Structure formats: structure tokens, C-alpha cells
């Protein structure tokens, strides 16, 4: 004899020390109380990002070389002409669990979270992955796992050891002034769990989201929020935003500010 499909789930639920069951009014009141703390946490996050934008920069003095789909490239080449660069050190190489069919399970979970990079690129920022696997293996992995959108390079020198990612994963952020490159920030360990969205990437960079509401040093590039957004197929460098979108986003921005109160 078989029991109903949901019986086991009900038994598990009854075994849990669950919160009280309340009315809609009581639920709304509980949410409003928690929302006060959530807004405080959000403001603390904004303040931390503002402090991150004031971190000192470290000059990169070595000439690092990578292998890419078209051959040897420099660290400067990885910027793809943009001002900022984020490099995630992914573990895909002999000795890593899953090789040669898979990259590290944790790194693979992270790669699955990477959003459409055109939005990040619109903020003059490039994301790249780097591993020690040969390019042929990287291309095979990208095709199999659906990661073709991520620029992925082969480390050929001491880059991983010099930037704290020779043993464990991590994101390094860089900025360039012409051909001069500087390291601006580093996120690893549990901080990597939140990475993958355009916002999490921009928040770790020296320039931030580049929006006028941010507390950034004088002279940093900033524009109004929402206005620079576009469909992923429709970005045109330096183009004015669609007037209709300006109208819609103005209303959204006003609602956003009201919700901040």
C-alpha cells in the first residue's frame, strides 16, 4: 500500500519548529518591522561600496601573458578596450575534481550565475574567466555547459599566485589609465557567492555603478539611474536613451526614491 505523495512532506513540516501562522494584517506588520532592518542593511552595503571606491590602487608592474582563442594576449588585452576589468579565477585543470569533463563544481555554479555581459560592458567594464586548462579544453567546456558568453583565458605564468587565486577561487578587479594597469579590489571565499549580476560586479569595481546617487569621489563618471539601461541587443555607445524610456524610468526612479524613505 502506498501513501499519498504529500504525506512525507507534511510529516517533515510538522517535525519542524515553524513560525506562527498569522492573519494578513499581522503578516504585513511583521514584514514592515523586518523591512526597517533590511533597508538599514542596504544602506550599509551602499556605504561599504562607497568606501571600496576609495580603496588605494596597486600598480601592476609585471607583464602577464594569457592564451586566448586567438593566441597569446596580455593583461591589457583582456580589458577589450574598456576601462575596467574583473577576472575570476576558475579551477579547470588537471587535478581538479571533475577534470577533464567538468570544472570545479563551485566554479561551475558561479559560471551558471553569470548574467548577460552586455549590460556590464555598457558600464565600460569587462568580465573574464581564467584557468590553467588549455584553450581547446576550455572551448569544449564552454560549448558543453553553455558558457560561450564568458571570455575565458588560459593562465601561463604567475598571475594566479600573484593575485591570491592559486589555491582558491576569487575575483580581482582592475582599472587602466591608458596602458597603466592597477588592481583595485579582491573578493573571494563566501563573497564570491553573490557574484553573477551586473550589480554585484559593478559594486566591486573602483567606479561602482557610475550613477548619480552613489557617494563617489569627485570627477568619477556618473549618470542617472535607469537611463543607461537597454535591451541586450540594443546598446549603442554614447546614444541618448529612448525618450519613452526616459518617461517610464522617471516614474520608476521617483517610486524608488519614495521606497527608500
C-alpha atoms as a PDB file:
ATOM      1  CA  UNK A   1       0.000   0.000   0.000  1.00  0.00           C
ATOM      2  CA  UNK A   2       1.334   3.451  -0.883  1.00  0.00           C
ATOM      3  CA  UNK A   3       0.703   6.668   0.996  1.00  0.00           C
ATOM      4  CA  UNK A   4      -0.314   9.952  -0.689  1.00  0.00           C
ATOM      5  CA  UNK A   5       2.566  11.733  -2.349  1.00  0.00           C
ATOM      6  CA  UNK A   6       2.482  14.708   0.025  1.00  0.00           C
ATOM      7  CA  UNK A   7       2.259  12.754   3.290  1.00  0.00           C
ATOM      8  CA  UNK A   8       6.024  12.656   3.785  1.00  0.00           C
ATOM      9  CA  UNK A   9       6.335  16.398   3.197  1.00  0.00           C
ATOM     10  CA  UNK A  10       3.570  17.075   5.748  1.00  0.00           C
ATOM     11  CA  UNK A  11       5.300  14.886   8.321  1.00  0.00           C
ATOM     12  CA  UNK A  12       8.576  16.743   7.746  1.00  0.00           C
ATOM     13  CA  UNK A  13       6.816  20.093   8.119  1.00  0.00           C
ATOM     14  CA  UNK A  14       5.188  19.035  11.387  1.00  0.00           C
ATOM     15  CA  UNK A  15       8.617  17.967  12.664  1.00  0.00           C
ATOM     16  CA  UNK A  16       9.998  21.455  12.058  1.00  0.00           C
ATOM     17  CA  UNK A  17       9.831  24.241  14.631  1.00  0.00           C
ATOM     18  CA  UNK A  18       7.912  26.508  12.240  1.00  0.00           C
ATOM     19  CA  UNK A  19       6.969  30.184  12.796  1.00  0.00           C
ATOM     20  CA  UNK A  20       3.430  31.058  13.923  1.00  0.00           C
ATOM     21  CA  UNK A  21       0.551  31.187  11.425  1.00  0.00           C
ATOM     22  CA  UNK A  22      -0.918  34.691  11.388  1.00  0.00           C
ATOM     23  CA  UNK A  23      -3.508  36.880   9.679  1.00  0.00           C
ATOM     24  CA  UNK A  24      -2.658  39.030   6.611  1.00  0.00           C
ATOM     25  CA  UNK A  25      -2.577  42.131   8.820  1.00  0.00           C
ATOM     26  CA  UNK A  26      -0.156  40.550  11.287  1.00  0.00           C
ATOM     27  CA  UNK A  27       1.996  39.277   8.407  1.00  0.00           C
ATOM     28  CA  UNK A  28       2.186  42.783   6.875  1.00  0.00           C
ATOM     29  CA  UNK A  29       3.170  44.240  10.254  1.00  0.00           C
ATOM     30  CA  UNK A  30       5.914  41.631  10.694  1.00  0.00           C
ATOM     31  CA  UNK A  31       7.239  42.337   7.219  1.00  0.00           C
ATOM     32  CA  UNK A  32       7.310  46.095   7.875  1.00  0.00           C
ATOM     33  CA  UNK A  33       9.354  45.522  11.041  1.00  0.00           C
ATOM     34  CA  UNK A  34      11.861  43.391   9.158  1.00  0.00           C
ATOM     35  CA  UNK A  35      11.931  45.848   6.260  1.00  0.00           C
ATOM     36  CA  UNK A  36      13.379  48.513   8.567  1.00  0.00           C
ATOM     37  CA  UNK A  37      16.379  46.258   9.204  1.00  0.00           C
ATOM     38  CA  UNK A  38      16.663  45.298   5.539  1.00  0.00           C
ATOM     39  CA  UNK A  39      16.812  48.958   4.484  1.00  0.00           C
ATOM     40  CA  UNK A  40      19.469  49.599   7.112  1.00  0.00           C
ATOM     41  CA  UNK A  41      21.468  46.681   5.712  1.00  0.00           C
ATOM     42  CA  UNK A  42      21.060  48.047   2.172  1.00  0.00           C
ATOM     43  CA  UNK A  43      22.331  51.468   3.222  1.00  0.00           C
ATOM     44  CA  UNK A  44      25.261  49.822   4.988  1.00  0.00           C
ATOM     45  CA  UNK A  45      26.019  47.955   1.754  1.00  0.00           C
ATOM     46  CA  UNK A  46      25.953  51.252  -0.162  1.00  0.00           C
ATOM     47  CA  UNK A  47      28.299  52.836   2.380  1.00  0.00           C
ATOM     48  CA  UNK A  48      30.680  49.892   2.136  1.00  0.00           C
ATOM     49  CA  UNK A  49      30.694  50.131  -1.672  1.00  0.00           C
ATOM     50  CA  UNK A  50      31.460  53.867  -1.352  1.00  0.00           C
ATOM     51  CA  UNK A  51      34.413  53.021   0.880  1.00  0.00           C
ATOM     52  CA  UNK A  52      35.533  50.406  -1.633  1.00  0.00           C
ATOM     53  CA  UNK A  53      35.598  53.092  -4.339  1.00  0.00           C
ATOM     54  CA  UNK A  54      38.104  54.950  -2.166  1.00  0.00           C
ATOM     55  CA  UNK A  55      40.446  51.988  -1.731  1.00  0.00           C
ATOM     56  CA  UNK A  56      44.034  52.702  -2.794  1.00  0.00           C
ATOM     57  CA  UNK A  57      45.126  51.296  -6.142  1.00  0.00           C
ATOM     58  CA  UNK A  58      48.053  48.918  -6.567  1.00  0.00           C
ATOM     59  CA  UNK A  59      50.152  49.328  -9.698  1.00  0.00           C
ATOM     60  CA  UNK A  60      50.527  46.127 -11.738  1.00  0.00           C
ATOM     61  CA  UNK A  61      54.166  46.120 -12.829  1.00  0.00           C
ATOM     62  CA  UNK A  62      54.543  42.619 -14.307  1.00  0.00           C
ATOM     63  CA  UNK A  63      53.696  41.832 -17.917  1.00  0.00           C
ATOM     64  CA  UNK A  64      51.254  38.928 -17.575  1.00  0.00           C
ATOM     65  CA  UNK A  65      50.501  36.722 -20.565  1.00  0.00           C
ATOM     66  CA  UNK A  66      47.459  34.548 -21.249  1.00  0.00           C
ATOM     67  CA  UNK A  67      46.373  32.215 -24.016  1.00  0.00           C
ATOM     68  CA  UNK A  68      43.096  33.172 -25.657  1.00  0.00           C
ATOM     69  CA  UNK A  69      41.008  31.843 -28.543  1.00  0.00           C
ATOM     70  CA  UNK A  70      43.154  33.848 -30.976  1.00  0.00           C
ATOM     71  CA  UNK A  71      46.524  33.136 -29.346  1.00  0.00           C
ATOM     72  CA  UNK A  72      48.727  34.963 -26.840  1.00  0.00           C
ATOM     73  CA  UNK A  73      47.320  38.088 -25.201  1.00  0.00           C
ATOM     74  CA  UNK A  74      48.396  40.449 -22.448  1.00  0.00           C
ATOM     75  CA  UNK A  75      46.543  41.529 -19.313  1.00  0.00           C
ATOM     76  CA  UNK A  76      45.868  44.810 -21.083  1.00  0.00           C
ATOM     77  CA  UNK A  77      44.261  42.921 -23.974  1.00  0.00           C
ATOM     78  CA  UNK A  78      41.791  41.307 -21.554  1.00  0.00           C
ATOM     79  CA  UNK A  79      40.204  44.731 -20.974  1.00  0.00           C
ATOM     80  CA  UNK A  80      38.926  44.590 -24.595  1.00  0.00           C
ATOM     81  CA  UNK A  81      39.381  48.350 -24.793  1.00  0.00           C
ATOM     82  CA  UNK A  82      37.221  49.071 -21.746  1.00  0.00           C
ATOM     83  CA  UNK A  83      38.341  50.940 -18.655  1.00  0.00           C
ATOM     84  CA  UNK A  84      37.700  48.245 -16.039  1.00  0.00           C
ATOM     85  CA  UNK A  85      38.342  44.510 -15.882  1.00  0.00           C
ATOM     86  CA  UNK A  86      37.179  41.795 -13.483  1.00  0.00           C
ATOM     87  CA  UNK A  87      38.943  38.432 -13.649  1.00  0.00           C
ATOM     88  CA  UNK A  88      37.502  35.357 -11.971  1.00  0.00           C
ATOM     89  CA  UNK A  89      39.967  32.544 -11.367  1.00  0.00           C
ATOM     90  CA  UNK A  90      38.038  29.369 -12.219  1.00  0.00           C
ATOM     91  CA  UNK A  91      39.526  25.970 -11.389  1.00  0.00           C
ATOM     92  CA  UNK A  92      39.502  23.872 -14.526  1.00  0.00           C
ATOM     93  CA  UNK A  93      42.712  21.922 -14.953  1.00  0.00           C
ATOM     94  CA  UNK A  94      44.309  18.534 -14.189  1.00  0.00           C
ATOM     95  CA  UNK A  95      43.967  17.633 -10.513  1.00  0.00           C
ATOM     96  CA  UNK A  96      40.651  19.467 -10.054  1.00  0.00           C
ATOM     97  CA  UNK A  97      37.603  17.316  -9.272  1.00  0.00           C
ATOM     98  CA  UNK A  98      35.672  16.794 -12.493  1.00  0.00           C
ATOM     99  CA  UNK A  99      38.599  17.120 -14.885  1.00  0.00           C
ATOM    100  CA  UNK A 100      38.566  16.771 -17.848  1.00  0.00           C
ATOM    101  CA  UNK A 101      34.779  16.714 -18.321  1.00  0.00           C
ATOM    102  CA  UNK A 102      33.949  19.430 -15.816  1.00  0.00           C
ATOM    103  CA  UNK A 103      35.396  22.396 -13.969  1.00  0.00           C
ATOM    104  CA  UNK A 104      35.249  22.617 -10.186  1.00  0.00           C
ATOM    105  CA  UNK A 105      31.638  22.229  -9.031  1.00  0.00           C
ATOM    106  CA  UNK A 106      31.692  25.540  -7.126  1.00  0.00           C
ATOM    107  CA  UNK A 107      33.251  27.450 -10.028  1.00  0.00           C
ATOM    108  CA  UNK A 108      30.704  25.870 -12.367  1.00  0.00           C
ATOM    109  CA  UNK A 109      27.844  27.010 -10.157  1.00  0.00           C
ATOM    110  CA  UNK A 110      29.304  30.503 -10.327  1.00  0.00           C
ATOM    111  CA  UNK A 111      29.573  30.383 -14.122  1.00  0.00           C
ATOM    112  CA  UNK A 112      25.913  29.382 -14.338  1.00  0.00           C
ATOM    113  CA  UNK A 113      25.019  32.603 -12.490  1.00  0.00           C
ATOM    114  CA  UNK A 114      26.816  34.992 -14.863  1.00  0.00           C
ATOM    115  CA  UNK A 115      24.250  37.347 -16.393  1.00  0.00           C
ATOM    116  CA  UNK A 116      24.313  38.757 -19.911  1.00  0.00           C
ATOM    117  CA  UNK A 117      27.616  40.640 -20.028  1.00  0.00           C
ATOM    118  CA  UNK A 118      26.421  43.304 -22.478  1.00  0.00           C
ATOM    119  CA  UNK A 119      24.959  45.281 -19.547  1.00  0.00           C
ATOM    120  CA  UNK A 120      28.272  45.184 -17.675  1.00  0.00           C
ATOM    121  CA  UNK A 121      30.097  46.165 -20.852  1.00  0.00           C
ATOM    122  CA  UNK A 122      27.786  49.175 -21.183  1.00  0.00           C
ATOM    123  CA  UNK A 123      29.399  50.422 -17.959  1.00  0.00           C
ATOM    124  CA  UNK A 124      32.871  50.241 -19.549  1.00  0.00           C
ATOM    125  CA  UNK A 125      33.643  47.031 -17.655  1.00  0.00           C
ATOM    126  CA  UNK A 126      34.769  43.605 -18.893  1.00  0.00           C
ATOM    127  CA  UNK A 127      34.426  40.273 -17.103  1.00  0.00           C
ATOM    128  CA  UNK A 128      36.799  37.428 -17.945  1.00  0.00           C
ATOM    129  CA  UNK A 129      37.441  33.944 -16.554  1.00  0.00           C
ATOM    130  CA  UNK A 130      40.930  32.461 -16.291  1.00  0.00           C
ATOM    131  CA  UNK A 131      42.029  28.866 -15.712  1.00  0.00           C
ATOM    132  CA  UNK A 132      45.130  26.752 -16.328  1.00  0.00           C
ATOM    133  CA  UNK A 133      43.412  24.380 -18.749  1.00  0.00           C
ATOM    134  CA  UNK A 134      44.461  24.632 -22.424  1.00  0.00           C
ATOM    135  CA  UNK A 135      42.211  26.628 -24.733  1.00  0.00           C
ATOM    136  CA  UNK A 136      40.963  23.533 -26.555  1.00  0.00           C
ATOM    137  CA  UNK A 137      39.624  22.135 -23.277  1.00  0.00           C
ATOM    138  CA  UNK A 138      38.144  25.490 -22.268  1.00  0.00           C
ATOM    139  CA  UNK A 139      36.268  25.791 -25.572  1.00  0.00           C
ATOM    140  CA  UNK A 140      34.962  22.245 -25.185  1.00  0.00           C
ATOM    141  CA  UNK A 141      33.771  23.014 -21.663  1.00  0.00           C
ATOM    142  CA  UNK A 142      32.095  26.276 -22.698  1.00  0.00           C
ATOM    143  CA  UNK A 143      30.198  24.593 -25.512  1.00  0.00           C
ATOM    144  CA  UNK A 144      29.086  21.723 -23.306  1.00  0.00           C
ATOM    145  CA  UNK A 145      27.948  23.896 -20.384  1.00  0.00           C
ATOM    146  CA  UNK A 146      26.549  26.859 -22.324  1.00  0.00           C
ATOM    147  CA  UNK A 147      29.174  29.377 -21.166  1.00  0.00           C
ATOM    148  CA  UNK A 148      30.100  30.714 -24.603  1.00  0.00           C
ATOM    149  CA  UNK A 149      29.271  34.252 -23.468  1.00  0.00           C
ATOM    150  CA  UNK A 150      32.168  34.368 -20.979  1.00  0.00           C
ATOM    151  CA  UNK A 151      35.626  35.365 -22.286  1.00  0.00           C
ATOM    152  CA  UNK A 152      37.837  32.587 -20.857  1.00  0.00           C
ATOM    153  CA  UNK A 153      41.637  32.583 -20.916  1.00  0.00           C
ATOM    154  CA  UNK A 154      44.484  30.235 -20.010  1.00  0.00           C
ATOM    155  CA  UNK A 155      46.900  31.353 -17.294  1.00  0.00           C
ATOM    156  CA  UNK A 156      50.506  30.851 -18.424  1.00  0.00           C
ATOM    157  CA  UNK A 157      52.576  32.467 -15.659  1.00  0.00           C
ATOM    158  CA  UNK A 158      52.374  33.556 -12.005  1.00  0.00           C
ATOM    159  CA  UNK A 159      49.190  35.606 -12.348  1.00  0.00           C
ATOM    160  CA  UNK A 160      47.168  33.332 -10.065  1.00  0.00           C
ATOM    161  CA  UNK A 161      49.837  33.201  -7.345  1.00  0.00           C
ATOM    162  CA  UNK A 162      50.474  36.954  -7.503  1.00  0.00           C
ATOM    163  CA  UNK A 163      46.792  37.802  -7.089  1.00  0.00           C
ATOM    164  CA  UNK A 164      45.782  35.341  -4.376  1.00  0.00           C
ATOM    165  CA  UNK A 165      43.947  32.787  -6.505  1.00  0.00           C
ATOM    166  CA  UNK A 166      46.467  29.985  -6.947  1.00  0.00           C
ATOM    167  CA  UNK A 167      44.731  27.722  -4.411  1.00  0.00           C
ATOM    168  CA  UNK A 168      41.170  29.050  -4.194  1.00  0.00           C
ATOM    169  CA  UNK A 169      38.755  30.944  -6.406  1.00  0.00           C
ATOM    170  CA  UNK A 170      38.338  34.716  -6.338  1.00  0.00           C
ATOM    171  CA  UNK A 171      37.510  37.854  -8.318  1.00  0.00           C
ATOM    172  CA  UNK A 172      40.185  40.502  -8.921  1.00  0.00           C
ATOM    173  CA  UNK A 173      39.182  43.960 -10.155  1.00  0.00           C
ATOM    174  CA  UNK A 174      41.466  46.174 -12.235  1.00  0.00           C
ATOM    175  CA  UNK A 175      41.326  49.598 -13.831  1.00  0.00           C
ATOM    176  CA  UNK A 176      43.525  51.067 -16.526  1.00  0.00           C
ATOM    177  CA  UNK A 177      44.781  54.538 -17.290  1.00  0.00           C
ATOM    178  CA  UNK A 178      45.925  54.224 -20.873  1.00  0.00           C
ATOM    179  CA  UNK A 179      48.308  51.269 -20.736  1.00  0.00           C
ATOM    180  CA  UNK A 180      48.919  51.517 -16.989  1.00  0.00           C
ATOM    181  CA  UNK A 181      47.005  48.900 -15.005  1.00  0.00           C
ATOM    182  CA  UNK A 182      46.033  48.982 -11.328  1.00  0.00           C
ATOM    183  CA  UNK A 183      44.500  46.398  -9.024  1.00  0.00           C
ATOM    184  CA  UNK A 184      41.556  47.983  -7.205  1.00  0.00           C
ATOM    185  CA  UNK A 185      39.810  45.215  -5.243  1.00  0.00           C
ATOM    186  CA  UNK A 186      39.618  41.483  -4.496  1.00  0.00           C
ATOM    187  CA  UNK A 187      36.670  39.289  -3.441  1.00  0.00           C
ATOM    188  CA  UNK A 188      36.948  35.623  -2.515  1.00  0.00           C
ATOM    189  CA  UNK A 189      35.571  32.971  -0.168  1.00  0.00           C
ATOM    190  CA  UNK A 190      31.880  33.490   0.630  1.00  0.00           C
ATOM    191  CA  UNK A 191      31.945  36.900  -1.027  1.00  0.00           C
ATOM    192  CA  UNK A 192      32.051  35.045  -4.339  1.00  0.00           C
ATOM    193  CA  UNK A 193      28.610  33.545  -3.679  1.00  0.00           C
ATOM    194  CA  UNK A 194      26.895  36.842  -4.501  1.00  0.00           C
ATOM    195  CA  UNK A 195      28.690  37.399  -7.807  1.00  0.00           C
ATOM    196  CA  UNK A 196      26.985  36.986 -11.152  1.00  0.00           C
ATOM    197  CA  UNK A 197      24.743  40.032 -11.606  1.00  0.00           C
ATOM    198  CA  UNK A 198      25.698  43.319 -13.215  1.00  0.00           C
ATOM    199  CA  UNK A 199      25.191  44.964  -9.805  1.00  0.00           C
ATOM    200  CA  UNK A 200      27.437  42.633  -7.829  1.00  0.00           C
ATOM    201  CA  UNK A 201      30.210  43.100 -10.390  1.00  0.00           C
ATOM    202  CA  UNK A 202      29.907  46.888 -10.580  1.00  0.00           C
ATOM    203  CA  UNK A 203      29.768  47.208  -6.796  1.00  0.00           C
ATOM    204  CA  UNK A 204      33.235  45.651  -6.507  1.00  0.00           C
ATOM    205  CA  UNK A 205      34.815  47.983  -9.051  1.00  0.00           C
ATOM    206  CA  UNK A 206      36.632  51.265  -8.494  1.00  0.00           C
ATOM    207  CA  UNK A 207      33.982  53.220 -10.435  1.00  0.00           C
ATOM    208  CA  UNK A 208      30.952  51.466  -8.960  1.00  0.00           C
ATOM    209  CA  UNK A 209      27.599  51.619 -10.731  1.00  0.00           C
ATOM    210  CA  UNK A 210      28.506  55.078 -12.047  1.00  0.00           C
ATOM    211  CA  UNK A 211      25.152  56.544 -11.054  1.00  0.00           C
ATOM    212  CA  UNK A 212      24.491  59.975  -9.566  1.00  0.00           C
ATOM    213  CA  UNK A 213      23.021  58.716  -6.285  1.00  0.00           C
ATOM    214  CA  UNK A 214      26.290  56.994  -5.326  1.00  0.00           C
ATOM    215  CA  UNK A 215      28.774  58.546  -2.935  1.00  0.00           C
ATOM    216  CA  UNK A 216      31.841  58.585  -5.188  1.00  0.00           C
ATOM    217  CA  UNK A 217      34.987  60.732  -5.294  1.00  0.00           C
ATOM    218  CA  UNK A 218      34.784  63.942  -7.302  1.00  0.00           C
ATOM    219  CA  UNK A 219      35.219  63.515 -11.036  1.00  0.00           C
ATOM    220  CA  UNK A 220      34.068  59.885 -11.191  1.00  0.00           C
ATOM    221  CA  UNK A 221      31.791  59.102 -14.165  1.00  0.00           C
ATOM    222  CA  UNK A 222      28.138  59.182 -13.125  1.00  0.00           C
ATOM    223  CA  UNK A 223      24.793  59.304 -14.904  1.00  0.00           C
ATOM    224  CA  UNK A 224      21.174  58.984 -13.845  1.00  0.00           C
ATOM    225  CA  UNK A 225      19.998  55.510 -12.836  1.00  0.00           C
ATOM    226  CA  UNK A 226      17.766  53.578 -15.236  1.00  0.00           C
ATOM    227  CA  UNK A 227      18.571  55.825 -18.199  1.00  0.00           C
ATOM    228  CA  UNK A 228      21.570  53.818 -19.409  1.00  0.00           C
ATOM    229  CA  UNK A 229      19.672  50.501 -19.311  1.00  0.00           C
ATOM    230  CA  UNK A 230      18.664  48.898 -22.601  1.00  0.00           C
ATOM    231  CA  UNK A 231      17.602  45.644 -24.200  1.00  0.00           C
ATOM    232  CA  UNK A 232      20.646  43.399 -24.531  1.00  0.00           C
ATOM    233  CA  UNK A 233      20.501  43.691 -28.341  1.00  0.00           C
ATOM    234  CA  UNK A 234      20.051  47.455 -28.455  1.00  0.00           C
ATOM    235  CA  UNK A 235      23.050  49.093 -26.791  1.00  0.00           C
ATOM    236  CA  UNK A 236      24.669  51.805 -28.916  1.00  0.00           C
ATOM    237  CA  UNK A 237      27.712  53.571 -27.384  1.00  0.00           C
ATOM    238  CA  UNK A 238      27.040  57.199 -26.403  1.00  0.00           C
ATOM    239  CA  UNK A 239      23.475  57.073 -27.745  1.00  0.00           C
ATOM    240  CA  UNK A 240      20.790  59.095 -25.985  1.00  0.00           C
ATOM    241  CA  UNK A 241      18.169  56.984 -24.190  1.00  0.00           C
ATOM    242  CA  UNK A 242      14.789  56.364 -25.791  1.00  0.00           C
ATOM    243  CA  UNK A 243      12.511  59.314 -24.808  1.00  0.00           C
ATOM    244  CA  UNK A 244       9.693  56.914 -23.932  1.00  0.00           C
ATOM    245  CA  UNK A 245      12.025  55.003 -21.639  1.00  0.00           C
ATOM    246  CA  UNK A 246      13.067  58.270 -20.001  1.00  0.00           C
ATOM    247  CA  UNK A 247       9.413  58.966 -19.218  1.00  0.00           C
ATOM    248  CA  UNK A 248       8.792  55.491 -17.834  1.00  0.00           C
ATOM    249  CA  UNK A 249      12.034  55.368 -15.865  1.00  0.00           C
ATOM    250  CA  UNK A 250      11.450  58.818 -14.364  1.00  0.00           C
ATOM    251  CA  UNK A 251       8.324  57.421 -12.751  1.00  0.00           C
ATOM    252  CA  UNK A 252      10.245  54.353 -11.636  1.00  0.00           C
ATOM    253  CA  UNK A 253      13.016  56.464 -10.163  1.00  0.00           C
ATOM    254  CA  UNK A 254      10.505  58.558  -8.203  1.00  0.00           C
ATOM    255  CA  UNK A 255       8.916  55.396  -6.805  1.00  0.00           C
ATOM    256  CA  UNK A 256      12.349  54.020  -5.989  1.00  0.00           C
ATOM    257  CA  UNK A 257      13.254  57.139  -4.008  1.00  0.00           C
ATOM    258  CA  UNK A 258       9.937  57.087  -2.161  1.00  0.00           C
ATOM    259  CA  UNK A 259      10.547  53.472  -1.185  1.00  0.00           C
ATOM    260  CA  UNK A 260      13.933  54.455   0.219  1.00  0.00           C
ATOM    261  CA  UNK A 261      12.272  56.641   2.882  1.00  0.00           C
END
